[in-house]
């Protein structure tokens, strides 16, 4: 495991301990509202501070792009952090959320860690060196046909008016696939694609911290992760991820859907 991945693992586990200290008590700490159906908890803030402090002690010259504290510093290496991806789940005690950390070096995502503290599952990836779950190599699924594919998505929970825009595509993909899940954590869904638990995932309107680690995870596990219109997902906020057989079909269907 690379040194940057090692420190990310340490930071993620420490943040996981913070999150679990709240979760096991059935608490979140103080909750603030950032927008419609968009909340931040005390646990988010403490977990993010723990991650940044852990990394900064070893790499004080590095910069950060974090969900709650924004951009901090300028450097060739930027850490992209979501302290709790799936905050709405965490707030309700629904055990599907994670810590997501990616290291972008000279504009390229090189290292990624996604940690599920409830299940104690640690996903790691290094560009060009594969992806692992708890130290065991993972690969995307071998599903060949969309009809057999188990997909996942997330959409429009912050913008009620846009739900109707996404539903026609959702309905078409439910009919075209084995089934579609909507569990509430883009980072974990992408990790599940990397591990072969899901065959594909798509979502629009994401921030870089929602998907930076997951995109590398999928690619390192032999899958494809990109924007359905061939842009950069970290800039467009739209991502499609799948194994190589499912990706062109899934991305093609999504690309034909009008967006707002």
C-alpha atoms as a PDB file:
ATOM      1  CA  UNK A   1       0.000   0.000   0.000  1.00  0.00           C
ATOM      2  CA  UNK A   2       1.307   3.455  -0.918  1.00  0.00           C
ATOM      3  CA  UNK A   3       2.263   5.949   1.850  1.00  0.00           C
ATOM      4  CA  UNK A   4      -0.553   8.347   0.937  1.00  0.00           C
ATOM      5  CA  UNK A   5      -3.035   5.489   1.036  1.00  0.00           C
ATOM      6  CA  UNK A   6      -1.678   4.397   4.408  1.00  0.00           C
ATOM      7  CA  UNK A   7      -2.260   7.802   5.979  1.00  0.00           C
ATOM      8  CA  UNK A   8      -5.711   7.964   4.396  1.00  0.00           C
ATOM      9  CA  UNK A   9      -6.545   4.600   5.982  1.00  0.00           C
ATOM     10  CA  UNK A  10      -5.423   5.871   9.374  1.00  0.00           C
ATOM     11  CA  UNK A  11      -7.476   9.046   8.946  1.00  0.00           C
ATOM     12  CA  UNK A  12     -10.552   7.144   7.791  1.00  0.00           C
ATOM     13  CA  UNK A  13     -10.425   4.721  10.707  1.00  0.00           C
ATOM     14  CA  UNK A  14     -10.026   7.554  13.205  1.00  0.00           C
ATOM     15  CA  UNK A  15     -12.972   9.371  11.643  1.00  0.00           C
ATOM     16  CA  UNK A  16     -14.914   6.125  11.765  1.00  0.00           C
ATOM     17  CA  UNK A  17     -14.311   5.926  15.504  1.00  0.00           C
ATOM     18  CA  UNK A  18     -15.702   9.454  15.883  1.00  0.00           C
ATOM     19  CA  UNK A  19     -18.767   8.588  13.818  1.00  0.00           C
ATOM     20  CA  UNK A  20     -19.417   5.349  15.698  1.00  0.00           C
ATOM     21  CA  UNK A  21     -19.162   7.140  19.049  1.00  0.00           C
ATOM     22  CA  UNK A  22     -22.265   9.088  17.998  1.00  0.00           C
ATOM     23  CA  UNK A  23     -23.969   6.267  16.088  1.00  0.00           C
ATOM     24  CA  UNK A  24     -23.813   3.758  18.934  1.00  0.00           C
ATOM     25  CA  UNK A  25     -25.396   6.267  21.287  1.00  0.00           C
ATOM     26  CA  UNK A  26     -28.123   6.992  18.772  1.00  0.00           C
ATOM     27  CA  UNK A  27     -26.958  10.599  18.553  1.00  0.00           C
ATOM     28  CA  UNK A  28     -25.724  12.967  15.859  1.00  0.00           C
ATOM     29  CA  UNK A  29     -24.818  16.027  17.884  1.00  0.00           C
ATOM     30  CA  UNK A  30     -26.050  19.426  16.760  1.00  0.00           C
ATOM     31  CA  UNK A  31     -27.643  19.437  13.291  1.00  0.00           C
ATOM     32  CA  UNK A  32     -27.520  22.369  10.855  1.00  0.00           C
ATOM     33  CA  UNK A  33     -29.456  22.718   7.629  1.00  0.00           C
ATOM     34  CA  UNK A  34     -27.459  23.653   4.517  1.00  0.00           C
ATOM     35  CA  UNK A  35     -30.379  23.460   2.091  1.00  0.00           C
ATOM     36  CA  UNK A  36     -33.477  21.463   1.224  1.00  0.00           C
ATOM     37  CA  UNK A  37     -32.912  17.940   2.572  1.00  0.00           C
ATOM     38  CA  UNK A  38     -29.221  18.784   2.986  1.00  0.00           C
ATOM     39  CA  UNK A  39     -27.937  18.619   6.553  1.00  0.00           C
ATOM     40  CA  UNK A  40     -24.650  18.597   8.413  1.00  0.00           C
ATOM     41  CA  UNK A  41     -24.214  17.124  11.866  1.00  0.00           C
ATOM     42  CA  UNK A  42     -21.749  17.690  14.658  1.00  0.00           C
ATOM     43  CA  UNK A  43     -20.347  14.266  13.808  1.00  0.00           C
ATOM     44  CA  UNK A  44     -19.620  15.429  10.228  1.00  0.00           C
ATOM     45  CA  UNK A  45     -17.591  18.355  11.528  1.00  0.00           C
ATOM     46  CA  UNK A  46     -15.623  16.332  14.089  1.00  0.00           C
ATOM     47  CA  UNK A  47     -14.952  13.500  11.634  1.00  0.00           C
ATOM     48  CA  UNK A  48     -13.728  15.934   8.973  1.00  0.00           C
ATOM     49  CA  UNK A  49     -11.491  17.749  11.457  1.00  0.00           C
ATOM     50  CA  UNK A  50     -10.055  14.388  12.549  1.00  0.00           C
ATOM     51  CA  UNK A  51      -9.230  13.446   8.951  1.00  0.00           C
ATOM     52  CA  UNK A  52      -7.582  16.761   8.142  1.00  0.00           C
ATOM     53  CA  UNK A  53      -5.600  16.837  11.390  1.00  0.00           C
ATOM     54  CA  UNK A  54      -4.357  13.255  10.869  1.00  0.00           C
ATOM     55  CA  UNK A  55      -3.150  13.964   7.338  1.00  0.00           C
ATOM     56  CA  UNK A  56      -1.796  17.439   8.084  1.00  0.00           C
ATOM     57  CA  UNK A  57       0.429  16.109  10.882  1.00  0.00           C
ATOM     58  CA  UNK A  58       2.261  13.962   8.324  1.00  0.00           C
ATOM     59  CA  UNK A  59       1.872  16.161   5.223  1.00  0.00           C
ATOM     60  CA  UNK A  60       1.565  19.772   6.407  1.00  0.00           C
ATOM     61  CA  UNK A  61       2.227  21.115   2.912  1.00  0.00           C
ATOM     62  CA  UNK A  62      -0.789  19.406   1.326  1.00  0.00           C
ATOM     63  CA  UNK A  63      -4.092  21.106   0.440  1.00  0.00           C
ATOM     64  CA  UNK A  64      -7.657  20.004   1.162  1.00  0.00           C
ATOM     65  CA  UNK A  65     -11.054  20.108  -0.505  1.00  0.00           C
ATOM     66  CA  UNK A  66     -13.575  18.974   2.087  1.00  0.00           C
ATOM     67  CA  UNK A  67     -17.363  18.984   2.116  1.00  0.00           C
ATOM     68  CA  UNK A  68     -17.841  20.961   5.315  1.00  0.00           C
ATOM     69  CA  UNK A  69     -14.767  23.223   5.424  1.00  0.00           C
ATOM     70  CA  UNK A  70     -14.229  23.785   1.699  1.00  0.00           C
ATOM     71  CA  UNK A  71     -10.859  24.506   0.101  1.00  0.00           C
ATOM     72  CA  UNK A  72      -7.818  24.843   2.310  1.00  0.00           C
ATOM     73  CA  UNK A  73      -4.486  25.791   0.781  1.00  0.00           C
ATOM     74  CA  UNK A  74      -2.910  25.246  -2.634  1.00  0.00           C
ATOM     75  CA  UNK A  75      -0.561  22.391  -3.429  1.00  0.00           C
ATOM     76  CA  UNK A  76       0.194  19.707  -6.010  1.00  0.00           C
ATOM     77  CA  UNK A  77      -1.469  17.176  -3.688  1.00  0.00           C
ATOM     78  CA  UNK A  78      -5.073  17.878  -2.729  1.00  0.00           C
ATOM     79  CA  UNK A  79      -7.088  15.655  -0.393  1.00  0.00           C
ATOM     80  CA  UNK A  80     -10.770  15.415  -1.380  1.00  0.00           C
ATOM     81  CA  UNK A  81     -12.812  14.483   1.693  1.00  0.00           C
ATOM     82  CA  UNK A  82     -16.374  13.561   2.558  1.00  0.00           C
ATOM     83  CA  UNK A  83     -16.426  12.800   6.297  1.00  0.00           C
ATOM     84  CA  UNK A  84     -19.855  11.108   6.162  1.00  0.00           C
ATOM     85  CA  UNK A  85     -21.191  10.269   2.731  1.00  0.00           C
ATOM     86  CA  UNK A  86     -24.793   9.405   3.506  1.00  0.00           C
ATOM     87  CA  UNK A  87     -25.453  11.904   6.293  1.00  0.00           C
ATOM     88  CA  UNK A  88     -29.228  11.496   5.938  1.00  0.00           C
ATOM     89  CA  UNK A  89     -28.820   7.760   6.595  1.00  0.00           C
ATOM     90  CA  UNK A  90     -26.522   8.427   9.549  1.00  0.00           C
ATOM     91  CA  UNK A  91     -29.033  10.836  11.070  1.00  0.00           C
ATOM     92  CA  UNK A  92     -31.747   8.157  10.984  1.00  0.00           C
ATOM     93  CA  UNK A  93     -29.554   5.312  12.197  1.00  0.00           C
ATOM     94  CA  UNK A  94     -29.756   3.644   8.781  1.00  0.00           C
ATOM     95  CA  UNK A  95     -26.449   1.726   8.543  1.00  0.00           C
ATOM     96  CA  UNK A  96     -25.360   2.734   5.041  1.00  0.00           C
ATOM     97  CA  UNK A  97     -22.821   5.566   5.097  1.00  0.00           C
ATOM     98  CA  UNK A  98     -19.070   5.908   4.851  1.00  0.00           C
ATOM     99  CA  UNK A  99     -15.938   8.006   5.052  1.00  0.00           C
ATOM    100  CA  UNK A 100     -14.548   8.911   1.617  1.00  0.00           C
ATOM    101  CA  UNK A 101     -10.995  10.193   1.069  1.00  0.00           C
ATOM    102  CA  UNK A 102      -9.143  10.671  -2.220  1.00  0.00           C
ATOM    103  CA  UNK A 103      -5.702  12.109  -2.959  1.00  0.00           C
ATOM    104  CA  UNK A 104      -5.418  14.109  -6.191  1.00  0.00           C
ATOM    105  CA  UNK A 105      -1.811  14.598  -7.280  1.00  0.00           C
ATOM    106  CA  UNK A 106      -1.091  17.081 -10.073  1.00  0.00           C
ATOM    107  CA  UNK A 107      -4.731  16.959 -11.106  1.00  0.00           C
ATOM    108  CA  UNK A 108      -5.042  13.140 -11.169  1.00  0.00           C
ATOM    109  CA  UNK A 109      -6.793  11.000  -8.538  1.00  0.00           C
ATOM    110  CA  UNK A 110      -4.031   8.619  -7.437  1.00  0.00           C
ATOM    111  CA  UNK A 111      -5.198   7.112  -4.122  1.00  0.00           C
ATOM    112  CA  UNK A 112      -8.575   6.393  -2.569  1.00  0.00           C
ATOM    113  CA  UNK A 113     -10.053   5.056   0.650  1.00  0.00           C
ATOM    114  CA  UNK A 114     -13.720   4.383   1.401  1.00  0.00           C
ATOM    115  CA  UNK A 115     -14.466   3.136   4.898  1.00  0.00           C
ATOM    116  CA  UNK A 116     -17.783   1.809   6.190  1.00  0.00           C
ATOM    117  CA  UNK A 117     -17.439   2.060   9.978  1.00  0.00           C
ATOM    118  CA  UNK A 118     -20.619   0.125  10.782  1.00  0.00           C
ATOM    119  CA  UNK A 119     -19.633  -2.948   8.762  1.00  0.00           C
ATOM    120  CA  UNK A 120     -15.907  -2.282   9.350  1.00  0.00           C
ATOM    121  CA  UNK A 121     -15.220  -2.652   5.616  1.00  0.00           C
ATOM    122  CA  UNK A 122     -12.209  -0.841   4.208  1.00  0.00           C
ATOM    123  CA  UNK A 123     -11.969  -0.263   0.444  1.00  0.00           C
ATOM    124  CA  UNK A 124      -8.648   1.022  -0.906  1.00  0.00           C
ATOM    125  CA  UNK A 125      -7.275   1.785  -4.359  1.00  0.00           C
ATOM    126  CA  UNK A 126      -4.095   3.079  -5.962  1.00  0.00           C
ATOM    127  CA  UNK A 127      -4.060   4.114  -9.602  1.00  0.00           C
ATOM    128  CA  UNK A 128      -2.367   1.404 -11.635  1.00  0.00           C
ATOM    129  CA  UNK A 129      -2.163  -0.980  -8.683  1.00  0.00           C
ATOM    130  CA  UNK A 130      -5.711  -2.291  -8.285  1.00  0.00           C
ATOM    131  CA  UNK A 131      -8.367  -2.056  -5.594  1.00  0.00           C
ATOM    132  CA  UNK A 132      -8.891  -4.039  -2.398  1.00  0.00           C
ATOM    133  CA  UNK A 133     -11.469  -4.735   0.284  1.00  0.00           C
ATOM    134  CA  UNK A 134      -9.904  -5.457   3.672  1.00  0.00           C
ATOM    135  CA  UNK A 135      -6.646  -6.317   1.920  1.00  0.00           C
ATOM    136  CA  UNK A 136      -8.193  -8.715  -0.621  1.00  0.00           C
ATOM    137  CA  UNK A 137      -8.121  -7.769  -4.303  1.00  0.00           C
ATOM    138  CA  UNK A 138     -11.546  -6.874  -5.736  1.00  0.00           C
ATOM    139  CA  UNK A 139     -12.806  -6.770  -9.312  1.00  0.00           C
ATOM    140  CA  UNK A 140     -15.944  -5.500 -10.956  1.00  0.00           C
ATOM    141  CA  UNK A 141     -18.625  -8.045 -11.831  1.00  0.00           C
ATOM    142  CA  UNK A 142     -18.665 -10.207 -14.958  1.00  0.00           C
ATOM    143  CA  UNK A 143     -22.328  -9.641 -15.721  1.00  0.00           C
ATOM    144  CA  UNK A 144     -22.726  -9.508 -19.504  1.00  0.00           C
ATOM    145  CA  UNK A 145     -26.258  -8.268 -20.118  1.00  0.00           C
ATOM    146  CA  UNK A 146     -28.245  -5.307 -18.838  1.00  0.00           C
ATOM    147  CA  UNK A 147     -31.240  -7.567 -18.196  1.00  0.00           C
ATOM    148  CA  UNK A 148     -29.169  -9.372 -15.539  1.00  0.00           C
ATOM    149  CA  UNK A 149     -27.618  -6.256 -14.045  1.00  0.00           C
ATOM    150  CA  UNK A 150     -28.239  -4.995 -10.518  1.00  0.00           C
ATOM    151  CA  UNK A 151     -27.920  -1.209 -10.630  1.00  0.00           C
ATOM    152  CA  UNK A 152     -27.935   1.612  -8.106  1.00  0.00           C
ATOM    153  CA  UNK A 153     -28.616   5.324  -8.293  1.00  0.00           C
ATOM    154  CA  UNK A 154     -29.402   8.407  -6.293  1.00  0.00           C
ATOM    155  CA  UNK A 155     -31.297  11.468  -7.412  1.00  0.00           C
ATOM    156  CA  UNK A 156     -32.848  14.786  -6.586  1.00  0.00           C
ATOM    157  CA  UNK A 157     -33.155  14.524  -2.842  1.00  0.00           C
ATOM    158  CA  UNK A 158     -32.101  18.171  -2.553  1.00  0.00           C
ATOM    159  CA  UNK A 159     -34.392  19.435  -5.330  1.00  0.00           C
ATOM    160  CA  UNK A 160     -37.954  18.201  -5.187  1.00  0.00           C
ATOM    161  CA  UNK A 161     -38.805  19.889  -8.477  1.00  0.00           C
ATOM    162  CA  UNK A 162     -36.261  17.744 -10.339  1.00  0.00           C
ATOM    163  CA  UNK A 163     -37.578  14.355  -9.212  1.00  0.00           C
ATOM    164  CA  UNK A 164     -39.906  14.186 -12.205  1.00  0.00           C
ATOM    165  CA  UNK A 165     -36.934  14.770 -14.507  1.00  0.00           C
ATOM    166  CA  UNK A 166     -35.157  11.656 -13.205  1.00  0.00           C
ATOM    167  CA  UNK A 167     -38.107   9.316 -12.831  1.00  0.00           C
ATOM    168  CA  UNK A 168     -38.568   8.467 -16.548  1.00  0.00           C
ATOM    169  CA  UNK A 169     -34.933   7.293 -16.793  1.00  0.00           C
ATOM    170  CA  UNK A 170     -35.235   5.466 -13.483  1.00  0.00           C
ATOM    171  CA  UNK A 171     -38.359   3.678 -14.684  1.00  0.00           C
ATOM    172  CA  UNK A 172     -36.753   2.704 -17.988  1.00  0.00           C
ATOM    173  CA  UNK A 173     -33.663   1.302 -16.284  1.00  0.00           C
ATOM    174  CA  UNK A 174     -35.746  -0.608 -13.733  1.00  0.00           C
ATOM    175  CA  UNK A 175     -37.513  -2.260 -16.665  1.00  0.00           C
ATOM    176  CA  UNK A 176     -34.286  -2.885 -18.586  1.00  0.00           C
ATOM    177  CA  UNK A 177     -32.276  -4.342 -15.677  1.00  0.00           C
ATOM    178  CA  UNK A 178     -32.641  -6.920 -12.934  1.00  0.00           C
ATOM    179  CA  UNK A 179     -33.410  -4.151 -10.408  1.00  0.00           C
ATOM    180  CA  UNK A 180     -32.267  -0.753  -9.144  1.00  0.00           C
ATOM    181  CA  UNK A 181     -31.258   0.208  -5.612  1.00  0.00           C
ATOM    182  CA  UNK A 182     -31.286   3.736  -4.112  1.00  0.00           C
ATOM    183  CA  UNK A 183     -29.484   3.440  -0.786  1.00  0.00           C
ATOM    184  CA  UNK A 184     -28.242   6.981  -0.207  1.00  0.00           C
ATOM    185  CA  UNK A 185     -24.430   6.927  -0.385  1.00  0.00           C
ATOM    186  CA  UNK A 186     -22.795   7.490  -3.772  1.00  0.00           C
ATOM    187  CA  UNK A 187     -19.325   6.657  -2.441  1.00  0.00           C
ATOM    188  CA  UNK A 188     -20.415   3.290  -1.038  1.00  0.00           C
ATOM    189  CA  UNK A 189     -22.402   2.500  -4.176  1.00  0.00           C
ATOM    190  CA  UNK A 190     -19.289   3.113  -6.267  1.00  0.00           C
ATOM    191  CA  UNK A 191     -17.248   0.917  -3.916  1.00  0.00           C
ATOM    192  CA  UNK A 192     -19.885  -1.785  -4.353  1.00  0.00           C
ATOM    193  CA  UNK A 193     -19.521  -1.549  -8.136  1.00  0.00           C
ATOM    194  CA  UNK A 194     -15.771  -1.999  -7.674  1.00  0.00           C
ATOM    195  CA  UNK A 195     -16.369  -5.067  -5.500  1.00  0.00           C
ATOM    196  CA  UNK A 196     -18.846  -6.623  -7.939  1.00  0.00           C
ATOM    197  CA  UNK A 197     -21.804  -6.280  -5.569  1.00  0.00           C
ATOM    198  CA  UNK A 198     -23.445  -3.937  -8.045  1.00  0.00           C
ATOM    199  CA  UNK A 199     -23.073  -4.057 -11.808  1.00  0.00           C
ATOM    200  CA  UNK A 200     -23.583  -0.348 -12.392  1.00  0.00           C
ATOM    201  CA  UNK A 201     -24.322   3.020 -10.809  1.00  0.00           C
ATOM    202  CA  UNK A 202     -25.350   6.446 -12.029  1.00  0.00           C
ATOM    203  CA  UNK A 203     -26.092   9.775 -10.410  1.00  0.00           C
ATOM    204  CA  UNK A 204     -26.250  13.444 -11.392  1.00  0.00           C
ATOM    205  CA  UNK A 205     -25.647  16.570  -9.333  1.00  0.00           C
ATOM    206  CA  UNK A 206     -22.813  15.213  -7.219  1.00  0.00           C
ATOM    207  CA  UNK A 207     -19.903  17.139  -5.702  1.00  0.00           C
ATOM    208  CA  UNK A 208     -16.267  16.018  -6.149  1.00  0.00           C
ATOM    209  CA  UNK A 209     -16.086  14.680  -2.576  1.00  0.00           C
ATOM    210  CA  UNK A 210     -19.086  12.427  -3.245  1.00  0.00           C
ATOM    211  CA  UNK A 211     -17.358  10.498  -6.002  1.00  0.00           C
ATOM    212  CA  UNK A 212     -13.611  11.181  -6.303  1.00  0.00           C
ATOM    213  CA  UNK A 213     -12.565   8.129  -4.283  1.00  0.00           C
ATOM    214  CA  UNK A 214     -15.285   5.943  -5.786  1.00  0.00           C
ATOM    215  CA  UNK A 215     -14.360   6.751  -9.368  1.00  0.00           C
ATOM    216  CA  UNK A 216     -10.776   5.634  -8.817  1.00  0.00           C
ATOM    217  CA  UNK A 217     -12.014   2.579  -6.921  1.00  0.00           C
ATOM    218  CA  UNK A 218     -14.098   1.435  -9.906  1.00  0.00           C
ATOM    219  CA  UNK A 219     -11.347   2.093 -12.429  1.00  0.00           C
ATOM    220  CA  UNK A 220      -8.720   0.338 -10.315  1.00  0.00           C
ATOM    221  CA  UNK A 221     -11.029  -2.688 -10.057  1.00  0.00           C
ATOM    222  CA  UNK A 222     -11.256  -3.015 -13.837  1.00  0.00           C
ATOM    223  CA  UNK A 223     -14.433  -1.030 -14.394  1.00  0.00           C
ATOM    224  CA  UNK A 224     -15.265   2.170 -16.238  1.00  0.00           C
ATOM    225  CA  UNK A 225     -16.359   5.374 -14.510  1.00  0.00           C
ATOM    226  CA  UNK A 226     -17.071   8.540 -16.446  1.00  0.00           C
ATOM    227  CA  UNK A 227     -19.538  11.208 -17.436  1.00  0.00           C
ATOM    228  CA  UNK A 228     -22.346  10.034 -19.757  1.00  0.00           C
ATOM    229  CA  UNK A 229     -21.571  12.932 -22.124  1.00  0.00           C
ATOM    230  CA  UNK A 230     -17.790  12.307 -22.073  1.00  0.00           C
ATOM    231  CA  UNK A 231     -16.940  15.162 -19.717  1.00  0.00           C
ATOM    232  CA  UNK A 232     -14.975  15.024 -16.486  1.00  0.00           C
ATOM    233  CA  UNK A 233     -17.339  13.739 -13.750  1.00  0.00           C
ATOM    234  CA  UNK A 234     -15.575  15.813 -11.099  1.00  0.00           C
ATOM    235  CA  UNK A 235     -16.455  18.930 -13.098  1.00  0.00           C
ATOM    236  CA  UNK A 236     -19.893  18.003 -14.468  1.00  0.00           C
ATOM    237  CA  UNK A 237     -21.185  16.309 -11.300  1.00  0.00           C
ATOM    238  CA  UNK A 238     -22.571  13.414 -13.357  1.00  0.00           C
ATOM    239  CA  UNK A 239     -21.131   9.920 -13.098  1.00  0.00           C
ATOM    240  CA  UNK A 240     -21.832   6.516 -14.602  1.00  0.00           C
ATOM    241  CA  UNK A 241     -19.854   3.511 -13.387  1.00  0.00           C
ATOM    242  CA  UNK A 242     -20.099  -0.138 -14.376  1.00  0.00           C
ATOM    243  CA  UNK A 243     -18.210  -3.167 -15.550  1.00  0.00           C
ATOM    244  CA  UNK A 244     -16.922  -2.912 -19.149  1.00  0.00           C
ATOM    245  CA  UNK A 245     -19.852  -4.860 -20.634  1.00  0.00           C
ATOM    246  CA  UNK A 246     -22.622  -2.921 -18.900  1.00  0.00           C
ATOM    247  CA  UNK A 247     -21.060   0.551 -19.084  1.00  0.00           C
ATOM    248  CA  UNK A 248     -21.661   1.385 -22.772  1.00  0.00           C
ATOM    249  CA  UNK A 249     -25.305   0.305 -22.561  1.00  0.00           C
ATOM    250  CA  UNK A 250     -25.954   2.152 -19.302  1.00  0.00           C
ATOM    251  CA  UNK A 251     -24.088   5.312 -20.341  1.00  0.00           C
ATOM    252  CA  UNK A 252     -25.791   5.284 -23.725  1.00  0.00           C
ATOM    253  CA  UNK A 253     -29.264   5.159 -22.208  1.00  0.00           C
ATOM    254  CA  UNK A 254     -28.433   7.949 -19.781  1.00  0.00           C
ATOM    255  CA  UNK A 255     -26.836  10.149 -22.452  1.00  0.00           C
ATOM    256  CA  UNK A 256     -30.091  10.101 -24.424  1.00  0.00           C
ATOM    257  CA  UNK A 257     -32.067  11.424 -21.441  1.00  0.00           C
ATOM    258  CA  UNK A 258     -32.591  15.222 -21.418  1.00  0.00           C
ATOM    259  CA  UNK A 259     -31.112  16.933 -18.352  1.00  0.00           C
ATOM    260  CA  UNK A 260     -31.979  20.216 -16.699  1.00  0.00           C
END
